[in-house]
Protein backbone atom coordinates (compact mmCIF):
# COMPACT_ATOMS: atom_id res chain seq x y z
CA MET A 1 -19.17 -22.59 62.53
CA TYR A 2 -16.79 -21.37 58.92
CA GLN A 3 -17.70 -22.16 55.62
CA ASP A 4 -15.17 -22.25 53.38
CA ASN A 5 -15.97 -20.45 50.29
CA SER A 6 -12.02 -19.90 48.55
CA GLY A 7 -12.80 -22.41 45.85
CA LEU A 8 -16.25 -20.07 44.92
CA ALA A 9 -13.61 -16.87 44.96
CA VAL A 10 -12.00 -18.01 42.33
CA VAL A 11 -14.02 -18.95 40.70
CA TRP A 12 -16.21 -15.34 40.53
CA VAL A 13 -12.77 -14.32 40.04
CA LEU A 14 -12.05 -15.69 37.27
CA ILE A 15 -15.51 -15.12 35.55
CA SER A 16 -14.87 -11.13 36.31
CA LEU A 17 -11.41 -11.50 34.49
CA VAL A 18 -13.57 -13.34 31.12
CA VAL A 19 -16.52 -10.93 31.17
CA SER A 20 -13.92 -7.23 31.11
CA TRP A 21 -11.94 -8.96 28.67
CA VAL A 22 -14.97 -9.83 26.44
CA ILE A 23 -16.07 -6.13 27.20
CA ILE A 24 -12.76 -4.63 26.53
CA TYR A 25 -11.74 -6.95 23.42
CA THR A 26 -15.42 -6.22 21.43
CA ALA A 27 -14.65 -2.24 22.58
CA VAL A 28 -11.40 -1.77 20.82
CA ARG A 29 -13.41 -4.76 17.63
CA ALA A 30 -15.83 -1.88 16.91
CA ALA A 31 -13.35 0.81 17.45
CA VAL A 32 -10.83 -0.41 14.53
CA GLY A 33 -11.85 -3.08 13.72
CA HIS A 34 -12.76 -1.71 10.27
CA ALA A 35 -8.87 -0.83 9.54
CA LEU A 36 -7.58 -4.02 10.80
CA ASP A 37 -10.02 -6.27 8.37
CA ARG A 38 -9.23 -3.71 5.15
CA SER A 39 -8.52 -4.65 1.66
CA LYS A 40 -6.61 -2.27 -0.18
CA PRO A 41 -3.04 -2.19 -1.96
CA ARG A 42 0.15 -0.68 -0.56
CA LEU A 43 2.06 0.85 -4.06
CA VAL A 44 6.24 1.68 -3.43
CA ALA A 45 7.99 2.21 -5.86
CA GLN A 46 11.95 1.90 -6.20
CA ALA A 47 14.22 3.03 -9.31
CA TYR A 48 17.72 2.08 -10.13
CA MET A 49 20.13 2.88 -12.73
CA THR A 50 20.37 0.17 -14.88
CA PRO A 51 23.11 -0.09 -18.06
CA GLU A 52 19.98 -0.18 -20.50
CA GLY A 53 18.06 2.76 -17.96
CA VAL A 54 16.58 3.54 -15.34
CA GLN A 55 14.43 0.21 -13.53
CA PHE A 56 11.35 0.86 -12.68
CA VAL A 57 10.28 -1.18 -9.42
CA VAL A 58 6.23 -0.28 -7.98
CA SER A 59 5.18 -3.10 -5.20
CA ASN A 60 2.41 -3.95 -4.11
CA VAL A 61 2.89 -3.94 -0.42
CA GLY A 62 -0.27 -3.89 0.61
CA THR A 63 -3.82 -6.43 1.54
CA GLY A 64 -4.96 -5.92 -1.44
CA GLY A 65 -4.36 -6.51 -5.54
CA ALA A 66 -5.30 -3.33 -7.29
CA LEU A 67 -7.00 -3.37 -10.20
CA ASP A 68 -6.50 -1.79 -13.75
CA LEU A 69 -3.15 0.01 -12.39
CA SER A 70 -1.73 2.50 -13.92
CA VAL A 71 1.70 4.26 -13.45
CA ARG A 72 2.21 8.00 -15.59
CA TRP A 73 3.96 10.73 -13.97
CA SER A 74 3.03 13.68 -12.10
CA GLY A 75 1.27 16.00 -14.10
CA ARG A 76 1.21 14.19 -16.90
CA PRO A 77 -1.99 13.07 -18.40
CA ALA A 78 -3.69 10.00 -17.56
CA ALA A 79 -3.06 8.51 -21.57
CA GLU A 80 0.66 8.93 -21.18
CA ALA A 81 0.88 6.35 -18.78
CA LEU A 82 4.68 4.66 -18.22
CA ALA A 83 3.55 1.53 -17.21
CA ARG A 84 0.47 -0.75 -17.46
CA ILE A 85 -1.35 -4.30 -15.71
CA PRO A 86 -4.31 -5.72 -15.48
CA LEU A 87 -3.64 -6.66 -11.29
CA LEU A 88 -1.08 -6.09 -9.09
CA GLY A 89 -2.14 -9.20 -6.60
CA ARG A 90 -0.73 -8.93 -3.20
CA ASN A 91 3.58 -8.88 -3.02
CA GLY A 92 3.13 -8.10 -6.73
CA THR A 93 5.68 -6.79 -8.59
CA LEU A 94 5.54 -4.22 -11.45
CA GLN A 95 9.15 -3.83 -13.49
CA TRP A 96 9.61 -1.42 -16.61
CA ILE A 97 12.83 1.04 -17.86
CA LEU A 98 13.03 4.09 -18.44
CA ALA A 99 16.41 4.25 -21.88
CA ALA A 100 18.92 7.16 -20.03
CA GLU A 101 22.17 6.69 -21.01
CA PRO A 102 24.20 7.82 -17.51
CA MET A 103 25.23 11.03 -18.48
CA PRO A 104 28.78 13.56 -16.35
CA ASN A 105 28.29 15.24 -13.80
CA ASP A 106 24.25 13.68 -14.40
CA THR A 107 21.68 15.05 -11.09
CA GLN A 108 19.57 13.77 -9.42
CA SER A 109 16.08 14.91 -8.91
CA VAL A 110 12.75 13.35 -7.22
CA GLY A 111 11.00 12.15 -9.51
CA ARG A 112 6.81 12.01 -8.81
CA LEU A 113 4.98 8.98 -10.11
CA VAL A 114 1.33 8.74 -9.47
CA ALA A 115 -0.14 4.93 -9.53
CA GLU A 116 -4.43 4.91 -10.68
CA TRP A 117 -6.34 1.81 -10.17
CA SER A 118 -9.44 0.45 -10.12
CA THR A 119 -11.62 -0.40 -6.32
CA GLY A 120 -13.16 -2.78 -8.42
CA LEU A 121 -14.31 -5.27 -11.70
CA ASP A 122 -16.80 -2.71 -13.18
CA PRO A 123 -15.25 -0.06 -15.09
CA SER A 124 -17.04 2.47 -13.61
CA SER A 125 -16.31 1.56 -11.19
CA ALA A 126 -14.44 3.54 -8.49
CA ARG A 127 -10.10 4.69 -9.15
CA GLU A 128 -7.94 5.41 -6.13
CA SER A 129 -3.97 7.63 -6.75
CA VAL A 130 -1.74 7.69 -4.52
CA VAL A 131 1.68 9.81 -5.84
CA LEU A 132 5.36 8.44 -5.19
CA ALA A 133 8.07 9.65 -5.51
CA VAL A 134 11.30 8.46 -7.16
CA LEU A 135 14.42 9.31 -6.70
CA VAL A 136 16.32 9.30 -11.08
CA PRO A 137 18.52 11.28 -13.29
CA SER A 138 16.07 14.81 -13.08
CA ARG A 139 16.17 15.02 -17.12
CA LEU A 140 13.48 11.91 -16.43
CA VAL A 141 11.28 14.23 -14.69
CA PRO A 142 9.18 16.09 -17.23
CA PRO A 143 8.06 20.16 -16.61
CA GLN A 144 5.40 20.42 -14.86
């Protein structure tokens, strides 16, 4: 006597696929989940020539905010900050202008800005930093 088990076979295939997917998803999530859930700022800097001088724009394109953000030239002390803001949230921008009248035969140079921010609300919490490159007139870049 022949018995038709095609329905049971389809159910077993579906269960096998679901169990396999759960195992693979769990393994991948465990391996890279910490990177996906991380809430960190990612700062990008740009500089533009304007009639008043050089306008700097630092944007936060990351997934978290930057607390007590300060920006200075690389190699300069933290007390010589060019700009400071208490909180730069997601998709936020920090802008400032340095006076620099256009000069004939002005050469462009890569300036390095250091952006530093706090990782927590407590003033004694750890600080992070990143070096941002911008193209500016060479006379604005301080000597190292």
